N, C-alpha and C. Protein backbone atom coordinates (compact mmCIF):
# COMPACT_ATOMS: atom_id res chain seq x y z
N MET A 1 0.85 -1.19 0.00
CA MET A 1 0.00 0.00 0.00
C MET A 1 0.89 1.24 0.00
N LYS A 2 0.63 2.13 -0.95
CA LYS A 2 1.35 3.40 -1.04
C LYS A 2 0.76 4.37 -0.01
N LYS A 3 1.58 5.24 0.51
CA LYS A 3 1.08 6.24 1.45
C LYS A 3 0.35 7.36 0.74
N LEU A 4 0.81 7.69 -0.48
CA LEU A 4 0.22 8.82 -1.19
C LEU A 4 0.24 8.55 -2.69
N GLY A 5 -0.90 8.80 -3.31
CA GLY A 5 -1.01 8.71 -4.76
C GLY A 5 -1.40 10.06 -5.33
N PHE A 6 -0.93 10.33 -6.52
CA PHE A 6 -1.25 11.57 -7.23
C PHE A 6 -2.07 11.21 -8.46
N ILE A 7 -3.23 11.82 -8.61
CA ILE A 7 -3.96 11.73 -9.87
C ILE A 7 -3.66 13.03 -10.59
N GLY A 8 -2.87 12.92 -11.63
CA GLY A 8 -2.34 14.07 -12.36
C GLY A 8 -0.87 14.19 -12.04
N GLY A 9 -0.06 14.20 -13.08
CA GLY A 9 1.39 14.24 -12.90
C GLY A 9 2.03 15.47 -13.50
N GLY A 10 1.32 16.59 -13.47
CA GLY A 10 1.84 17.84 -14.03
C GLY A 10 2.90 18.48 -13.14
N ASN A 11 3.19 19.73 -13.42
CA ASN A 11 4.26 20.43 -12.71
C ASN A 11 4.03 20.52 -11.20
N MET A 12 2.81 20.79 -10.78
CA MET A 12 2.53 20.90 -9.35
C MET A 12 2.72 19.56 -8.65
N ALA A 13 2.19 18.50 -9.23
CA ALA A 13 2.34 17.17 -8.64
C ALA A 13 3.81 16.77 -8.59
N GLU A 14 4.52 17.04 -9.67
CA GLU A 14 5.94 16.70 -9.70
C GLU A 14 6.71 17.48 -8.63
N ALA A 15 6.41 18.76 -8.47
CA ALA A 15 7.10 19.57 -7.46
C ALA A 15 6.81 19.04 -6.05
N LEU A 16 5.56 18.69 -5.79
CA LEU A 16 5.21 18.14 -4.48
C LEU A 16 5.91 16.80 -4.24
N ALA A 17 5.86 15.92 -5.23
CA ALA A 17 6.50 14.61 -5.09
C ALA A 17 8.01 14.78 -4.89
N ARG A 18 8.62 15.67 -5.65
CA ARG A 18 10.06 15.92 -5.52
C ARG A 18 10.39 16.40 -4.11
N GLY A 19 9.61 17.35 -3.60
CA GLY A 19 9.83 17.85 -2.25
C GLY A 19 9.69 16.76 -1.20
N LEU A 20 8.70 15.91 -1.36
CA LEU A 20 8.49 14.82 -0.40
C LEU A 20 9.64 13.82 -0.41
N VAL A 21 10.14 13.52 -1.60
CA VAL A 21 11.24 12.56 -1.72
C VAL A 21 12.56 13.19 -1.27
N GLU A 22 12.85 14.39 -1.73
CA GLU A 22 14.13 15.03 -1.40
C GLU A 22 14.25 15.32 0.09
N ARG A 23 13.15 15.63 0.74
CA ARG A 23 13.19 15.91 2.18
C ARG A 23 12.97 14.65 3.01
N LYS A 24 12.93 13.52 2.31
CA LYS A 24 12.81 12.20 2.95
C LYS A 24 11.56 12.07 3.81
N ILE A 25 10.50 12.76 3.41
CA ILE A 25 9.21 12.63 4.08
C ILE A 25 8.56 11.32 3.64
N PHE A 26 8.70 11.01 2.35
CA PHE A 26 8.26 9.73 1.81
C PHE A 26 9.38 9.15 0.97
N LYS A 27 9.45 7.84 0.94
CA LYS A 27 10.36 7.15 0.02
C LYS A 27 9.66 7.05 -1.33
N PRO A 28 10.42 6.99 -2.42
CA PRO A 28 9.79 6.84 -3.73
C PRO A 28 8.84 5.64 -3.79
N ALA A 29 9.16 4.57 -3.10
CA ALA A 29 8.32 3.38 -3.11
C ALA A 29 6.97 3.60 -2.43
N GLU A 30 6.82 4.71 -1.69
CA GLU A 30 5.57 5.01 -0.99
C GLU A 30 4.64 5.90 -1.81
N LEU A 31 5.06 6.26 -3.03
CA LEU A 31 4.30 7.18 -3.87
C LEU A 31 3.95 6.52 -5.20
N ILE A 32 2.83 6.95 -5.78
CA ILE A 32 2.42 6.52 -7.11
C ILE A 32 1.74 7.70 -7.80
N VAL A 33 1.95 7.83 -9.10
CA VAL A 33 1.41 8.95 -9.89
C VAL A 33 0.71 8.40 -11.13
N SER A 34 -0.49 8.91 -11.40
CA SER A 34 -1.15 8.59 -12.67
C SER A 34 -1.20 9.85 -13.52
N ASP A 35 -1.04 9.66 -14.81
CA ASP A 35 -1.17 10.76 -15.76
C ASP A 35 -1.51 10.17 -17.12
N VAL A 36 -2.27 10.91 -17.91
CA VAL A 36 -2.64 10.43 -19.24
C VAL A 36 -1.49 10.54 -20.22
N ASP A 37 -0.54 11.41 -19.94
CA ASP A 37 0.59 11.67 -20.84
C ASP A 37 1.75 10.72 -20.53
N ALA A 38 2.06 9.83 -21.46
CA ALA A 38 3.15 8.86 -21.27
C ALA A 38 4.48 9.56 -21.06
N GLY A 39 4.69 10.69 -21.70
CA GLY A 39 5.94 11.44 -21.53
C GLY A 39 6.10 11.95 -20.11
N ARG A 40 5.02 12.47 -19.53
CA ARG A 40 5.07 12.93 -18.13
C ARG A 40 5.36 11.76 -17.19
N ARG A 41 4.70 10.64 -17.44
CA ARG A 41 4.93 9.46 -16.59
C ARG A 41 6.40 9.04 -16.65
N ARG A 42 6.95 8.97 -17.84
CA ARG A 42 8.37 8.59 -17.98
C ARG A 42 9.28 9.59 -17.25
N LYS A 43 9.00 10.87 -17.42
CA LYS A 43 9.84 11.91 -16.79
C LYS A 43 9.82 11.77 -15.27
N ILE A 44 8.66 11.62 -14.69
CA ILE A 44 8.54 11.49 -13.24
C ILE A 44 9.20 10.21 -12.75
N ASN A 45 8.99 9.13 -13.47
CA ASN A 45 9.59 7.85 -13.08
C ASN A 45 11.11 7.91 -13.12
N ARG A 46 11.65 8.49 -14.20
CA ARG A 46 13.12 8.60 -14.32
C ARG A 46 13.70 9.53 -13.27
N ALA A 47 13.07 10.67 -13.06
CA ALA A 47 13.61 11.68 -12.15
C ALA A 47 13.48 11.30 -10.68
N LEU A 48 12.37 10.68 -10.31
CA LEU A 48 12.09 10.46 -8.90
C LEU A 48 11.99 8.99 -8.49
N LYS A 49 12.02 8.10 -9.47
CA LYS A 49 11.91 6.64 -9.20
C LYS A 49 10.60 6.28 -8.53
N ILE A 50 9.55 7.00 -8.90
CA ILE A 50 8.20 6.79 -8.37
C ILE A 50 7.43 5.92 -9.34
N ALA A 51 6.59 5.03 -8.81
CA ALA A 51 5.72 4.22 -9.65
C ALA A 51 4.75 5.13 -10.41
N VAL A 52 4.52 4.81 -11.68
CA VAL A 52 3.61 5.60 -12.50
C VAL A 52 2.64 4.67 -13.21
N THR A 53 1.50 5.23 -13.58
CA THR A 53 0.46 4.47 -14.26
C THR A 53 -0.40 5.44 -15.06
N ASP A 54 -1.18 4.90 -15.98
CA ASP A 54 -2.17 5.71 -16.68
C ASP A 54 -3.57 5.46 -16.12
N ASP A 55 -3.65 4.70 -15.03
CA ASP A 55 -4.92 4.27 -14.45
C ASP A 55 -5.18 4.97 -13.11
N ASN A 56 -6.11 5.92 -13.11
CA ASN A 56 -6.45 6.64 -11.88
C ASN A 56 -6.96 5.71 -10.79
N LEU A 57 -7.72 4.70 -11.19
CA LEU A 57 -8.28 3.78 -10.20
C LEU A 57 -7.19 2.97 -9.52
N GLU A 58 -6.11 2.68 -10.22
CA GLU A 58 -4.98 1.99 -9.60
C GLU A 58 -4.38 2.86 -8.49
N VAL A 59 -4.28 4.16 -8.75
CA VAL A 59 -3.76 5.08 -7.74
C VAL A 59 -4.65 5.05 -6.50
N VAL A 60 -5.96 5.13 -6.69
CA VAL A 60 -6.88 5.12 -5.55
C VAL A 60 -6.80 3.78 -4.82
N ARG A 61 -6.80 2.70 -5.56
CA ARG A 61 -6.75 1.37 -4.97
C ARG A 61 -5.46 1.15 -4.17
N GLU A 62 -4.34 1.66 -4.66
CA GLU A 62 -3.04 1.39 -4.07
C GLU A 62 -2.60 2.42 -3.02
N SER A 63 -3.40 3.45 -2.76
CA SER A 63 -2.96 4.55 -1.89
C SER A 63 -3.88 4.75 -0.70
N ARG A 64 -3.29 5.14 0.40
CA ARG A 64 -4.08 5.52 1.59
C ARG A 64 -4.67 6.91 1.41
N ALA A 65 -3.89 7.81 0.78
CA ALA A 65 -4.34 9.17 0.52
C ALA A 65 -4.12 9.47 -0.96
N VAL A 66 -5.02 10.28 -1.53
CA VAL A 66 -4.96 10.61 -2.95
C VAL A 66 -4.98 12.12 -3.11
N LEU A 67 -3.97 12.64 -3.80
CA LEU A 67 -3.89 14.06 -4.08
C LEU A 67 -4.37 14.30 -5.50
N LEU A 68 -5.45 15.04 -5.64
CA LEU A 68 -6.03 15.34 -6.95
C LEU A 68 -5.32 16.56 -7.52
N ALA A 69 -4.48 16.32 -8.53
CA ALA A 69 -3.65 17.38 -9.11
C ALA A 69 -3.94 17.53 -10.60
N VAL A 70 -5.23 17.61 -10.91
CA VAL A 70 -5.64 17.80 -12.30
C VAL A 70 -6.19 19.21 -12.46
N LYS A 71 -6.31 19.63 -13.68
CA LYS A 71 -6.86 20.95 -13.96
C LYS A 71 -8.34 20.97 -13.57
N PRO A 72 -8.84 22.12 -13.11
CA PRO A 72 -10.24 22.19 -12.66
C PRO A 72 -11.24 21.67 -13.70
N GLN A 73 -10.97 21.91 -14.97
CA GLN A 73 -11.91 21.45 -16.01
C GLN A 73 -11.89 19.93 -16.18
N GLN A 74 -10.93 19.24 -15.57
CA GLN A 74 -10.85 17.78 -15.66
C GLN A 74 -11.37 17.08 -14.40
N ILE A 75 -11.65 17.84 -13.37
CA ILE A 75 -11.96 17.24 -12.07
C ILE A 75 -13.24 16.41 -12.09
N ASP A 76 -14.28 16.87 -12.78
CA ASP A 76 -15.53 16.13 -12.79
C ASP A 76 -15.37 14.74 -13.42
N GLU A 77 -14.64 14.67 -14.52
CA GLU A 77 -14.40 13.38 -15.17
C GLU A 77 -13.64 12.44 -14.24
N VAL A 78 -12.63 12.96 -13.56
CA VAL A 78 -11.82 12.15 -12.64
C VAL A 78 -12.67 11.67 -11.48
N LEU A 79 -13.43 12.58 -10.86
CA LEU A 79 -14.25 12.21 -9.71
C LEU A 79 -15.34 11.23 -10.08
N THR A 80 -15.95 11.41 -11.25
CA THR A 80 -16.98 10.47 -11.69
C THR A 80 -16.40 9.08 -11.86
N GLY A 81 -15.21 8.99 -12.45
CA GLY A 81 -14.57 7.69 -12.63
C GLY A 81 -14.24 7.02 -11.31
N VAL A 82 -13.78 7.79 -10.35
CA VAL A 82 -13.43 7.24 -9.03
C VAL A 82 -14.69 6.82 -8.29
N GLU A 83 -15.70 7.68 -8.27
CA GLU A 83 -16.92 7.40 -7.52
C GLU A 83 -17.66 6.20 -8.10
N SER A 84 -17.64 6.05 -9.42
CA SER A 84 -18.36 4.94 -10.04
C SER A 84 -17.75 3.59 -9.69
N ALA A 85 -16.49 3.57 -9.29
CA ALA A 85 -15.81 2.33 -8.92
C ALA A 85 -15.73 2.16 -7.40
N ASP A 86 -16.50 2.94 -6.65
CA ASP A 86 -16.41 3.00 -5.18
C ASP A 86 -16.45 1.64 -4.50
N ARG A 87 -17.29 0.74 -4.94
CA ARG A 87 -17.43 -0.55 -4.25
C ARG A 87 -16.10 -1.28 -4.13
N ASN A 88 -15.27 -1.13 -5.12
CA ASN A 88 -13.99 -1.84 -5.12
C ASN A 88 -12.85 -1.02 -4.51
N LEU A 89 -13.08 0.27 -4.27
CA LEU A 89 -11.99 1.15 -3.85
C LEU A 89 -12.02 1.53 -2.38
N HIS A 90 -13.12 1.29 -1.69
CA HIS A 90 -13.23 1.62 -0.27
C HIS A 90 -12.91 3.09 -0.01
N LEU A 91 -13.64 3.97 -0.69
CA LEU A 91 -13.38 5.40 -0.58
C LEU A 91 -13.47 5.91 0.86
N GLN A 92 -14.28 5.25 1.68
CA GLN A 92 -14.43 5.70 3.07
C GLN A 92 -13.12 5.58 3.84
N ASP A 93 -12.17 4.81 3.35
CA ASP A 93 -10.88 4.64 4.02
C ASP A 93 -9.80 5.56 3.45
N LYS A 94 -10.15 6.40 2.51
CA LYS A 94 -9.16 7.24 1.81
C LYS A 94 -9.31 8.70 2.19
N LEU A 95 -8.19 9.39 2.19
CA LEU A 95 -8.17 10.85 2.33
C LEU A 95 -7.93 11.41 0.94
N PHE A 96 -8.80 12.31 0.48
CA PHE A 96 -8.63 12.97 -0.80
C PHE A 96 -8.25 14.43 -0.55
N ILE A 97 -7.18 14.86 -1.22
CA ILE A 97 -6.68 16.22 -1.10
C ILE A 97 -6.67 16.80 -2.51
N SER A 98 -7.25 17.98 -2.67
CA SER A 98 -7.30 18.59 -4.00
C SER A 98 -6.46 19.85 -4.05
N ILE A 99 -5.72 20.00 -5.14
CA ILE A 99 -5.04 21.27 -5.41
C ILE A 99 -5.62 21.91 -6.67
N ALA A 100 -6.78 21.44 -7.11
CA ALA A 100 -7.45 22.01 -8.28
C ALA A 100 -8.10 23.33 -7.87
N ALA A 101 -7.69 24.40 -8.50
CA ALA A 101 -8.17 25.74 -8.17
C ALA A 101 -9.69 25.84 -8.32
N GLY A 102 -10.33 26.43 -7.30
CA GLY A 102 -11.76 26.72 -7.38
C GLY A 102 -12.68 25.54 -7.12
N ILE A 103 -12.15 24.37 -6.84
CA ILE A 103 -12.99 23.21 -6.58
C ILE A 103 -13.24 23.15 -5.07
N THR A 104 -14.50 23.31 -4.69
CA THR A 104 -14.85 23.41 -3.27
C THR A 104 -14.92 22.04 -2.61
N ILE A 105 -14.87 22.08 -1.29
CA ILE A 105 -15.01 20.86 -0.51
C ILE A 105 -16.38 20.24 -0.75
N ALA A 106 -17.41 21.07 -0.84
CA ALA A 106 -18.76 20.56 -1.10
C ALA A 106 -18.81 19.81 -2.42
N ARG A 107 -18.14 20.33 -3.41
CA ARG A 107 -18.12 19.66 -4.72
C ARG A 107 -17.39 18.33 -4.64
N LEU A 108 -16.26 18.29 -3.92
CA LEU A 108 -15.54 17.03 -3.74
C LEU A 108 -16.38 16.02 -2.99
N THR A 109 -16.97 16.47 -1.89
CA THR A 109 -17.78 15.57 -1.08
C THR A 109 -18.98 15.07 -1.87
N GLY A 110 -19.62 15.94 -2.62
CA GLY A 110 -20.77 15.54 -3.42
C GLY A 110 -20.40 14.49 -4.46
N ALA A 111 -19.24 14.64 -5.06
CA ALA A 111 -18.81 13.71 -6.10
C ALA A 111 -18.29 12.39 -5.54
N LEU A 112 -17.60 12.45 -4.42
CA LEU A 112 -16.97 11.25 -3.86
C LEU A 112 -17.87 10.52 -2.86
N GLY A 113 -18.94 11.17 -2.45
CA GLY A 113 -19.81 10.56 -1.46
C GLY A 113 -19.41 11.00 -0.07
N ARG A 114 -20.34 11.01 0.80
CA ARG A 114 -20.11 11.51 2.16
C ARG A 114 -19.18 10.62 2.97
N SER A 115 -18.94 9.40 2.51
CA SER A 115 -18.08 8.51 3.29
C SER A 115 -16.60 8.78 3.07
N ALA A 116 -16.26 9.50 2.01
CA ALA A 116 -14.84 9.77 1.73
C ALA A 116 -14.38 10.98 2.52
N HIS A 117 -13.17 10.92 3.01
CA HIS A 117 -12.55 12.10 3.64
C HIS A 117 -12.07 12.95 2.49
N ASP A 118 -12.26 14.26 2.57
CA ASP A 118 -11.69 15.07 1.51
C ASP A 118 -11.21 16.40 2.03
N SER A 119 -10.31 16.98 1.26
CA SER A 119 -9.64 18.19 1.69
C SER A 119 -9.35 19.06 0.47
N ARG A 120 -9.51 20.34 0.64
CA ARG A 120 -9.13 21.26 -0.43
C ARG A 120 -7.86 21.95 0.00
N ASP A 121 -6.84 21.82 -0.78
CA ASP A 121 -5.52 22.31 -0.46
C ASP A 121 -5.13 21.73 0.90
N ALA A 122 -4.61 22.54 1.80
CA ALA A 122 -4.21 22.00 3.10
C ALA A 122 -5.32 22.17 4.12
N GLU A 123 -6.51 22.39 3.65
CA GLU A 123 -7.60 22.68 4.56
C GLU A 123 -8.43 21.42 4.77
N CYS A 124 -8.28 20.80 5.91
CA CYS A 124 -9.13 19.65 6.22
C CYS A 124 -9.38 19.57 7.71
N ALA A 125 -9.41 20.73 8.36
CA ALA A 125 -9.65 20.74 9.79
C ALA A 125 -11.04 20.20 10.08
N GLY A 126 -11.13 19.43 11.11
CA GLY A 126 -12.42 18.90 11.52
C GLY A 126 -12.22 17.97 12.68
N ASP A 127 -13.31 17.64 13.34
CA ASP A 127 -13.21 16.78 14.51
C ASP A 127 -13.66 15.37 14.20
N GLY A 128 -13.88 15.06 12.94
CA GLY A 128 -14.34 13.73 12.56
C GLY A 128 -15.84 13.58 12.71
N GLY A 129 -16.49 14.61 13.21
CA GLY A 129 -17.93 14.55 13.40
C GLY A 129 -18.65 15.02 12.15
N PRO A 130 -19.96 15.16 12.23
CA PRO A 130 -20.71 15.57 11.06
C PRO A 130 -20.40 17.01 10.67
N ARG A 131 -20.67 17.33 9.43
CA ARG A 131 -20.45 18.68 8.92
C ARG A 131 -21.21 19.65 9.83
N ASN A 132 -20.53 20.69 10.25
CA ASN A 132 -21.17 21.61 11.20
C ASN A 132 -21.40 22.99 10.61
N GLY A 133 -21.35 23.12 9.31
CA GLY A 133 -21.63 24.40 8.67
C GLY A 133 -20.41 25.29 8.57
N ARG A 134 -19.35 25.00 9.29
CA ARG A 134 -18.13 25.81 9.22
C ARG A 134 -17.30 25.29 8.06
N ALA A 135 -16.96 26.15 7.12
CA ALA A 135 -16.12 25.72 6.00
C ALA A 135 -14.83 25.14 6.56
N GLY A 136 -14.42 24.05 6.07
CA GLY A 136 -13.21 23.41 6.54
C GLY A 136 -13.49 22.24 7.47
N ALA A 137 -14.67 22.18 8.05
CA ALA A 137 -15.01 21.05 8.90
C ALA A 137 -15.64 19.99 8.01
N ILE A 138 -14.87 18.99 7.68
CA ILE A 138 -15.28 18.01 6.69
C ILE A 138 -15.69 16.73 7.38
N GLU A 139 -16.81 16.20 6.94
CA GLU A 139 -17.26 14.94 7.50
C GLU A 139 -16.18 13.88 7.32
N GLY A 140 -15.75 13.29 8.41
CA GLY A 140 -14.77 12.22 8.34
C GLY A 140 -13.33 12.68 8.43
N ALA A 141 -13.05 13.96 8.22
CA ALA A 141 -11.67 14.44 8.30
C ALA A 141 -11.29 14.62 9.77
N SER A 142 -10.07 14.29 10.07
CA SER A 142 -9.59 14.37 11.45
C SER A 142 -8.40 15.31 11.54
N LYS A 143 -7.96 15.56 12.75
CA LYS A 143 -6.74 16.34 12.95
C LYS A 143 -5.55 15.60 12.34
N THR A 144 -5.58 14.28 12.34
CA THR A 144 -4.52 13.50 11.71
C THR A 144 -4.51 13.74 10.21
N ASP A 145 -5.71 13.81 9.60
CA ASP A 145 -5.81 14.12 8.17
C ASP A 145 -5.22 15.50 7.88
N GLU A 146 -5.56 16.47 8.73
CA GLU A 146 -5.04 17.82 8.56
C GLU A 146 -3.52 17.83 8.66
N ALA A 147 -2.99 17.13 9.64
CA ALA A 147 -1.53 17.08 9.81
C ALA A 147 -0.86 16.42 8.61
N PHE A 148 -1.47 15.38 8.08
CA PHE A 148 -0.93 14.69 6.91
C PHE A 148 -0.89 15.64 5.72
N ALA A 149 -1.99 16.36 5.47
CA ALA A 149 -2.05 17.30 4.34
C ALA A 149 -1.02 18.41 4.52
N LEU A 150 -0.93 18.95 5.71
CA LEU A 150 0.05 20.01 5.95
C LEU A 150 1.47 19.51 5.74
N ARG A 151 1.74 18.29 6.13
CA ARG A 151 3.07 17.70 5.95
C ARG A 151 3.46 17.66 4.47
N ILE A 152 2.50 17.36 3.63
CA ILE A 152 2.75 17.33 2.18
C ILE A 152 3.15 18.71 1.68
N PHE A 153 2.36 19.73 2.04
CA PHE A 153 2.60 21.07 1.52
C PHE A 153 3.81 21.74 2.15
N LEU A 154 4.09 21.41 3.40
CA LEU A 154 5.26 21.97 4.06
C LEU A 154 6.56 21.45 3.44
N ALA A 155 6.49 20.37 2.68
CA ALA A 155 7.67 19.84 2.00
C ALA A 155 8.17 20.77 0.91
N VAL A 156 7.30 21.68 0.44
CA VAL A 156 7.69 22.57 -0.65
C VAL A 156 7.53 24.05 -0.32
N GLY A 157 7.11 24.36 0.88
CA GLY A 157 6.95 25.77 1.23
C GLY A 157 6.20 25.91 2.54
N ASP A 158 5.63 27.07 2.74
CA ASP A 158 4.85 27.33 3.94
C ASP A 158 3.41 26.87 3.70
N ALA A 159 2.76 26.42 4.75
CA ALA A 159 1.37 25.98 4.65
C ALA A 159 0.70 26.21 5.99
N VAL A 160 -0.58 26.56 5.95
CA VAL A 160 -1.37 26.73 7.16
C VAL A 160 -2.73 26.09 6.95
N ALA A 161 -3.33 25.68 8.04
CA ALA A 161 -4.71 25.17 7.99
C ALA A 161 -5.64 26.37 8.16
N LEU A 162 -6.67 26.42 7.36
CA LEU A 162 -7.63 27.51 7.42
C LEU A 162 -8.93 27.04 8.04
N LYS A 163 -9.58 27.94 8.73
CA LYS A 163 -10.89 27.63 9.30
C LYS A 163 -12.01 27.94 8.31
N ASP A 164 -11.74 28.81 7.34
CA ASP A 164 -12.77 29.26 6.42
C ASP A 164 -12.32 29.02 4.98
N GLU A 165 -12.97 28.10 4.32
CA GLU A 165 -12.62 27.75 2.94
C GLU A 165 -12.70 28.95 2.00
N ALA A 166 -13.56 29.92 2.29
CA ALA A 166 -13.72 31.09 1.43
C ALA A 166 -12.42 31.89 1.31
N LEU A 167 -11.51 31.72 2.25
CA LEU A 167 -10.24 32.43 2.19
C LEU A 167 -9.33 31.91 1.08
N LEU A 168 -9.61 30.73 0.58
CA LEU A 168 -8.78 30.16 -0.49
C LEU A 168 -8.97 30.89 -1.82
N ASP A 169 -10.17 31.37 -2.08
CA ASP A 169 -10.43 32.01 -3.37
C ASP A 169 -9.59 33.28 -3.58
N PRO A 170 -9.52 34.20 -2.60
CA PRO A 170 -8.65 35.38 -2.81
C PRO A 170 -7.17 35.00 -2.98
N VAL A 171 -6.72 34.01 -2.24
CA VAL A 171 -5.33 33.58 -2.37
C VAL A 171 -5.08 33.01 -3.76
N THR A 172 -6.03 32.22 -4.25
CA THR A 172 -5.90 31.65 -5.60
C THR A 172 -5.83 32.77 -6.63
N ALA A 173 -6.70 33.76 -6.50
CA ALA A 173 -6.70 34.89 -7.45
C ALA A 173 -5.39 35.67 -7.37
N LEU A 174 -4.94 35.94 -6.17
CA LEU A 174 -3.71 36.71 -6.00
C LEU A 174 -2.50 35.95 -6.55
N SER A 175 -2.39 34.69 -6.20
CA SER A 175 -1.22 33.94 -6.66
C SER A 175 -1.26 33.71 -8.17
N GLY A 176 -2.46 33.57 -8.71
CA GLY A 176 -2.59 33.40 -10.16
C GLY A 176 -2.28 34.68 -10.92
N SER A 177 -2.58 35.81 -10.30
CA SER A 177 -2.36 37.11 -10.94
C SER A 177 -1.03 37.73 -10.57
N GLY A 178 -0.37 37.18 -9.57
CA GLY A 178 0.89 37.73 -9.07
C GLY A 178 1.92 38.03 -10.14
N PRO A 179 2.19 37.09 -11.04
CA PRO A 179 3.19 37.37 -12.08
C PRO A 179 2.83 38.58 -12.94
N ALA A 180 1.55 38.78 -13.21
CA ALA A 180 1.14 39.93 -14.02
C ALA A 180 1.40 41.24 -13.27
N TYR A 181 1.12 41.24 -11.97
CA TYR A 181 1.39 42.45 -11.18
C TYR A 181 2.89 42.75 -11.13
N VAL A 182 3.70 41.74 -10.96
CA VAL A 182 5.15 41.94 -10.92
C VAL A 182 5.62 42.48 -12.27
N TYR A 183 5.11 41.91 -13.37
CA TYR A 183 5.48 42.38 -14.69
C TYR A 183 5.09 43.83 -14.87
N LEU A 184 3.89 44.19 -14.41
CA LEU A 184 3.39 45.55 -14.54
C LEU A 184 4.31 46.53 -13.82
N LEU A 185 4.77 46.18 -12.63
CA LEU A 185 5.67 47.04 -11.87
C LEU A 185 7.01 47.12 -12.54
């Protein structure tokens, strides 16, 4: 069983995987990456010695936690494929972490089912109890889940747990527009 799987092997996933391996947070044998692009899979496998596949369901099946690193316009297709195979994947035992911009926890939970733990970015604070209306309190997510997610992101930079999911949208806009502002100056 892999500790962490990545669905999507683009630049962000590669940077996270590289940080985790280089800082010895995970061994390459504890990670798996799926991507539709054979060239990306080869590059990641050669550079990091991580298992790669073109099968998203293999990543879910083989991993305790799954980091969704696909473009926002691809997320519905990925989630539908995962959810439709739920009986064989035991989603209730998995932690899902998304780095897809603009994809809310409600959308992840709705697509994966209420039994799956899910997290948007490093935000998965919760007491394991039922959803209590506070953004960030995810049904099934625990402090251990939050610590695990933060550990991933801290491998490549600073990370904090947020109490309010709405705070992610301004950060996403700012970081996405940041290069344009720097260029303008």
